[in-house]
Amino acid sequence: MITKILKPFFWYTDNKKLKTVADQTRIITQILRFGDSQSVKWLFKHYSRATIKKVVRERGFLELDDKSFNYWCLVLKIDKRQVKKTRL
């Protein structure tokens, strides 16, 4: 189960079923896309920077909108040439 401060960002699912480890990709991408400063602080407290970078590299192009993707690539110092760029 995730904390109450994250509930607004997971309106589409039962928050009680979200697990911080099993659902880490979904949690990370959702917070990076829609999160506020408090939820982003929570994110960086509960997941390592390396884990967040890995999710952005592997799923960011697909899961994040262009502005969020570009912003987090800059913040996390991710070379966009290292990103998997596959969209359906």
C-alpha atoms as a PDB file:
ATOM      1  CA  MET A   1       0.000   0.000   0.000  1.00  0.00           C
ATOM      2  CA  ILE A   2       1.225   3.494  -0.800  1.00  0.00           C
ATOM      3  CA  THR A   3       1.058   6.590   1.376  1.00  0.00           C
ATOM      4  CA  LYS A   4      -1.913   8.970   1.462  1.00  0.00           C
ATOM      5  CA  ILE A   5       0.033  11.768  -0.236  1.00  0.00           C
ATOM      6  CA  LEU A   6       0.257   9.679  -3.410  1.00  0.00           C
ATOM      7  CA  LYS A   7      -3.446   8.821  -3.633  1.00  0.00           C
ATOM      8  CA  PRO A   8      -4.357  11.726  -5.962  1.00  0.00           C
ATOM      9  CA  PHE A   9      -1.881  10.454  -8.563  1.00  0.00           C
ATOM     10  CA  PHE A  10      -3.398   6.970  -8.677  1.00  0.00           C
ATOM     11  CA  TRP A  11      -7.053   7.864  -9.119  1.00  0.00           C
ATOM     12  CA  TYR A  12      -7.537   5.026 -11.593  1.00  0.00           C
ATOM     13  CA  THR A  13      -6.676   2.130  -9.284  1.00  0.00           C
ATOM     14  CA  ASP A  14      -7.203   0.763  -5.798  1.00  0.00           C
ATOM     15  CA  ASN A  15      -4.335   2.323  -3.851  1.00  0.00           C
ATOM     16  CA  LYS A  16      -4.427  -0.470  -1.292  1.00  0.00           C
ATOM     17  CA  LYS A  17      -3.229  -2.909  -3.933  1.00  0.00           C
ATOM     18  CA  LEU A  18      -0.189  -0.886  -5.056  1.00  0.00           C
ATOM     19  CA  LYS A  19       3.103  -2.257  -3.733  1.00  0.00           C
ATOM     20  CA  THR A  20       6.216  -0.093  -3.652  1.00  0.00           C
ATOM     21  CA  VAL A  21       8.431  -2.876  -5.011  1.00  0.00           C
ATOM     22  CA  ALA A  22       6.142  -4.804  -7.348  1.00  0.00           C
ATOM     23  CA  ASP A  23       4.646  -1.645  -8.884  1.00  0.00           C
ATOM     24  CA  GLN A  24       7.737   0.536  -8.816  1.00  0.00           C
ATOM     25  CA  THR A  25       7.728   1.332 -12.541  1.00  0.00           C
ATOM     26  CA  ARG A  26       4.112   2.483 -12.455  1.00  0.00           C
ATOM     27  CA  ILE A  27       4.646   4.489  -9.262  1.00  0.00           C
ATOM     28  CA  ILE A  28       7.823   6.152 -10.524  1.00  0.00           C
ATOM     29  CA  THR A  29       6.443   7.124 -13.934  1.00  0.00           C
ATOM     30  CA  GLN A  30       3.148   8.371 -12.499  1.00  0.00           C
ATOM     31  CA  ILE A  31       4.878  10.585  -9.921  1.00  0.00           C
ATOM     32  CA  LEU A  32       7.421  11.890 -12.430  1.00  0.00           C
ATOM     33  CA  ARG A  33       4.595  12.840 -14.757  1.00  0.00           C
ATOM     34  CA  PHE A  34       1.943  14.204 -12.399  1.00  0.00           C
ATOM     35  CA  GLY A  35       3.578  14.552  -8.989  1.00  0.00           C
ATOM     36  CA  ASP A  36       3.977  17.657  -6.878  1.00  0.00           C
ATOM     37  CA  SER A  37       7.058  18.566  -4.836  1.00  0.00           C
ATOM     38  CA  GLN A  38       5.920  16.524  -1.825  1.00  0.00           C
ATOM     39  CA  SER A  39       5.329  13.373  -3.865  1.00  0.00           C
ATOM     40  CA  VAL A  40       8.636  13.770  -5.725  1.00  0.00           C
ATOM     41  CA  LYS A  41      10.445  14.042  -2.368  1.00  0.00           C
ATOM     42  CA  TRP A  42       8.706  10.846  -1.278  1.00  0.00           C
ATOM     43  CA  LEU A  43       9.772   9.189  -4.533  1.00  0.00           C
ATOM     44  CA  PHE A  44      13.455  10.024  -4.092  1.00  0.00           C
ATOM     45  CA  LYS A  45      13.293   8.926  -0.464  1.00  0.00           C
ATOM     46  CA  HIS A  46      11.843   5.499  -1.307  1.00  0.00           C
ATOM     47  CA  TYR A  47      13.667   4.715  -4.553  1.00  0.00           C
ATOM     48  CA  SER A  48      17.323   5.152  -5.371  1.00  0.00           C
ATOM     49  CA  ARG A  49      18.351   7.682  -7.991  1.00  0.00           C
ATOM     50  CA  ALA A  50      19.753   4.768 -10.016  1.00  0.00           C
ATOM     51  CA  THR A  51      16.370   2.992  -9.978  1.00  0.00           C
ATOM     52  CA  ILE A  52      14.546   6.143 -11.065  1.00  0.00           C
ATOM     53  CA  LYS A  53      17.066   6.728 -13.858  1.00  0.00           C
ATOM     54  CA  LYS A  54      16.672   3.129 -15.033  1.00  0.00           C
ATOM     55  CA  VAL A  55      12.897   3.514 -15.215  1.00  0.00           C
ATOM     56  CA  VAL A  56      13.217   6.763 -17.190  1.00  0.00           C
ATOM     57  CA  ARG A  57      15.724   5.158 -19.566  1.00  0.00           C
ATOM     58  CA  GLU A  58      13.622   2.049 -20.115  1.00  0.00           C
ATOM     59  CA  ARG A  59      10.037   3.344 -19.891  1.00  0.00           C
ATOM     60  CA  GLY A  60      10.192   7.131 -19.894  1.00  0.00           C
ATOM     61  CA  PHE A  61       9.819   7.650 -23.621  1.00  0.00           C
ATOM     62  CA  LEU A  62       6.707   5.479 -23.582  1.00  0.00           C
ATOM     63  CA  GLU A  63       5.158   6.436 -20.221  1.00  0.00           C
ATOM     64  CA  LEU A  64       5.946  10.148 -19.849  1.00  0.00           C
ATOM     65  CA  ASP A  65       4.690  13.018 -21.941  1.00  0.00           C
ATOM     66  CA  ASP A  66       7.390  14.867 -23.919  1.00  0.00           C
ATOM     67  CA  LYS A  67       7.788  17.740 -21.442  1.00  0.00           C
ATOM     68  CA  SER A  68       8.085  15.461 -18.422  1.00  0.00           C
ATOM     69  CA  PHE A  69      10.449  13.147 -20.261  1.00  0.00           C
ATOM     70  CA  ASN A  70      12.747  15.986 -21.313  1.00  0.00           C
ATOM     71  CA  TYR A  71      12.656  17.575 -17.860  1.00  0.00           C
ATOM     72  CA  TRP A  72      13.590  14.368 -16.017  1.00  0.00           C
ATOM     73  CA  CYS A  73      16.314  13.550 -18.527  1.00  0.00           C
ATOM     74  CA  LEU A  74      17.845  16.932 -17.721  1.00  0.00           C
ATOM     75  CA  VAL A  75      17.419  16.614 -13.954  1.00  0.00           C
ATOM     76  CA  LEU A  76      18.729  13.051 -13.839  1.00  0.00           C
ATOM     77  CA  LYS A  77      21.464  13.761 -16.417  1.00  0.00           C
ATOM     78  CA  ILE A  78      20.302  11.033 -18.766  1.00  0.00           C
ATOM     79  CA  ASP A  79      21.777  10.987 -22.244  1.00  0.00           C
ATOM     80  CA  LYS A  80      18.763  10.598 -24.528  1.00  0.00           C
ATOM     81  CA  ARG A  81      20.809   8.333 -26.784  1.00  0.00           C
ATOM     82  CA  GLN A  82      20.669   5.764 -23.945  1.00  0.00           C
ATOM     83  CA  VAL A  83      16.862   5.773 -23.890  1.00  0.00           C
ATOM     84  CA  LYS A  84      14.707   3.040 -25.375  1.00  0.00           C
ATOM     85  CA  LYS A  85      12.531   4.890 -27.875  1.00  0.00           C
ATOM     86  CA  THR A  86       9.668   2.605 -28.679  1.00  0.00           C
ATOM     87  CA  ARG A  87       6.099   3.799 -28.772  1.00  0.00           C
ATOM     88  CA  LEU A  88       3.196   1.781 -30.022  1.00  0.00           C
END
